[in-house]
Amino acid sequence: MKLILAIVRDFKVTEVVDAVEQDATFPGMSVLDCRGFGREKAAPHEHASQEELTDFVDRKALIVAVPDETAGAIARRIEQLAHTGRPGDGKVFILPLEAAVRIATGERGEAALE
């Protein structure tokens, strides 16, 4: 199993969710508010003067647990949907997922992802 963690622009979340909901095999996702910075570190805030910089930018974190064989395709799909071509589009990480448990039923492993 794999855990996909994607950090994307706020306005791209609806587009990503709408697209993946059409896929009957998509397992679902969690969306979290997050803040951070990349290489650019900071950008002028829309209401700030040119000299004032924000330390963090608002983004969304998408979390998806998937079977090994679908991880690459799902990560690529999120990448395509979240892409604007501008710095700050975000990142997609694919991590090994050691275990999963569906709390309601006690199912474990990939059965908990379905």
Protein backbone atom coordinates (compact mmCIF):
# COMPACT_ATOMS: atom_id res chain seq x y z
CA MET A 1 0.00 0.00 0.00
CA LYS A 2 1.03 3.59 -0.58
CA LEU A 3 0.08 6.94 0.89
CA ILE A 4 -0.12 9.83 -1.54
CA LEU A 5 0.36 13.26 -0.01
CA ALA A 6 -0.22 16.12 -2.43
CA ILE A 7 0.20 19.78 -1.54
CA VAL A 8 -1.79 21.88 -4.03
CA ARG A 9 -3.16 25.37 -4.55
CA ASP A 10 -6.50 25.97 -2.80
CA PHE A 11 -8.42 26.74 -6.00
CA LYS A 12 -7.33 23.46 -7.62
CA VAL A 13 -8.94 21.20 -5.00
CA THR A 14 -12.45 21.32 -6.49
CA GLU A 15 -11.09 20.42 -9.93
CA VAL A 16 -9.13 17.48 -8.50
CA VAL A 17 -12.07 16.20 -6.43
CA ASP A 18 -14.56 16.54 -9.31
CA ALA A 19 -12.27 14.57 -11.63
CA VAL A 20 -11.40 11.73 -9.26
CA GLU A 21 -15.01 11.29 -8.10
CA GLN A 22 -15.81 10.16 -11.66
CA ASP A 23 -13.47 7.18 -11.20
CA ALA A 24 -15.42 4.37 -9.49
CA THR A 25 -12.15 2.76 -8.34
CA PHE A 26 -10.87 5.90 -6.58
CA PRO A 27 -10.73 5.10 -2.85
CA GLY A 28 -11.50 8.58 -1.49
CA MET A 29 -9.35 11.27 0.06
CA SER A 30 -8.94 13.62 2.97
CA VAL A 31 -8.33 17.34 2.43
CA LEU A 32 -6.53 19.41 5.06
CA ASP A 33 -5.71 23.11 5.26
CA CYS A 34 -1.99 23.72 5.44
CA ARG A 35 0.55 26.53 5.13
CA GLY A 36 4.11 26.41 3.96
CA PHE A 37 6.79 27.72 1.66
CA GLY A 38 9.10 26.38 -1.01
CA ARG A 39 12.24 27.62 -2.68
CA GLU A 40 10.65 31.00 -3.32
CA LYS A 41 10.16 31.24 0.50
CA ALA A 42 7.68 34.12 0.35
CA ALA A 43 5.60 36.15 -2.04
CA PRO A 44 4.08 39.61 -1.69
CA HIS A 45 0.69 39.43 -0.01
CA GLU A 46 -2.10 40.90 -2.15
CA HIS A 47 -2.82 43.57 0.49
CA ALA A 48 0.79 44.24 1.50
CA SER A 49 3.25 46.76 0.19
CA GLN A 50 6.10 45.54 -2.02
CA GLU A 51 8.47 45.44 0.96
CA GLU A 52 6.23 43.31 3.15
CA LEU A 53 6.42 39.56 2.59
CA THR A 54 4.38 36.69 3.93
CA ASP A 55 6.32 33.82 5.45
CA PHE A 56 3.84 31.09 4.49
CA VAL A 57 1.29 30.55 1.75
CA ASP A 58 -2.05 28.78 2.15
CA ARG A 59 -2.35 25.42 0.43
CA LYS A 60 -4.39 22.23 0.73
CA ALA A 61 -2.98 18.82 1.57
CA LEU A 62 -4.67 15.89 -0.16
CA ILE A 63 -4.19 12.50 1.49
CA VAL A 64 -5.02 9.30 -0.40
CA ALA A 65 -4.29 5.71 0.68
CA VAL A 66 -4.09 3.34 -2.32
CA PRO A 67 -2.96 -0.14 -3.34
CA ASP A 68 0.60 -0.28 -4.72
CA GLU A 69 -0.50 -0.88 -8.32
CA THR A 70 -2.63 2.29 -8.56
CA ALA A 71 -0.35 4.74 -6.73
CA GLY A 72 1.58 5.97 -9.78
CA ALA A 73 -1.49 6.55 -11.92
CA ILE A 74 -3.37 8.38 -9.16
CA ALA A 75 -0.35 10.55 -8.31
CA ARG A 76 0.08 11.46 -12.01
CA ARG A 77 -3.63 12.32 -12.28
CA ILE A 78 -3.42 14.66 -9.26
CA GLU A 79 -0.28 16.21 -10.74
CA GLN A 80 -2.00 16.87 -14.08
CA LEU A 81 -5.10 18.34 -12.47
CA ALA A 82 -3.22 20.58 -10.03
CA HIS A 83 -0.74 21.90 -12.64
CA THR A 84 -0.84 25.60 -13.58
CA GLY A 85 2.76 25.87 -14.77
CA ARG A 86 3.60 28.59 -12.23
CA PRO A 87 5.99 28.34 -9.29
CA GLY A 88 4.12 27.25 -6.18
CA ASP A 89 1.95 24.59 -7.82
CA GLY A 90 2.94 22.21 -5.02
CA LYS A 91 4.33 18.72 -4.65
CA VAL A 92 3.15 15.11 -4.76
CA PHE A 93 4.78 12.55 -2.47
CA ILE A 94 4.27 8.79 -2.57
CA LEU A 95 5.12 7.07 0.70
CA PRO A 96 5.05 3.43 1.80
CA LEU A 97 2.01 2.67 3.95
CA GLU A 98 2.72 -0.01 6.51
CA ALA A 99 -0.82 -0.74 7.69
CA ALA A 100 -4.43 0.40 7.41
CA VAL A 101 -7.46 -0.37 9.57
CA ARG A 102 -11.10 0.49 8.86
CA ILE A 103 -12.26 1.39 12.35
CA ALA A 104 -15.95 0.60 11.76
CA THR A 105 -15.39 -3.00 10.63
CA GLY A 106 -11.88 -3.93 11.74
CA GLU A 107 -10.84 -4.69 8.14
CA ARG A 108 -7.08 -4.51 7.69
CA GLY A 109 -4.63 -3.92 4.88
CA GLU A 110 -5.93 -3.24 1.38
CA ALA A 111 -9.43 -4.36 2.42
CA ALA A 112 -9.56 -1.26 4.63
CA LEU A 113 -8.94 0.94 1.57
CA GLU A 114 -11.94 -0.30 -0.42
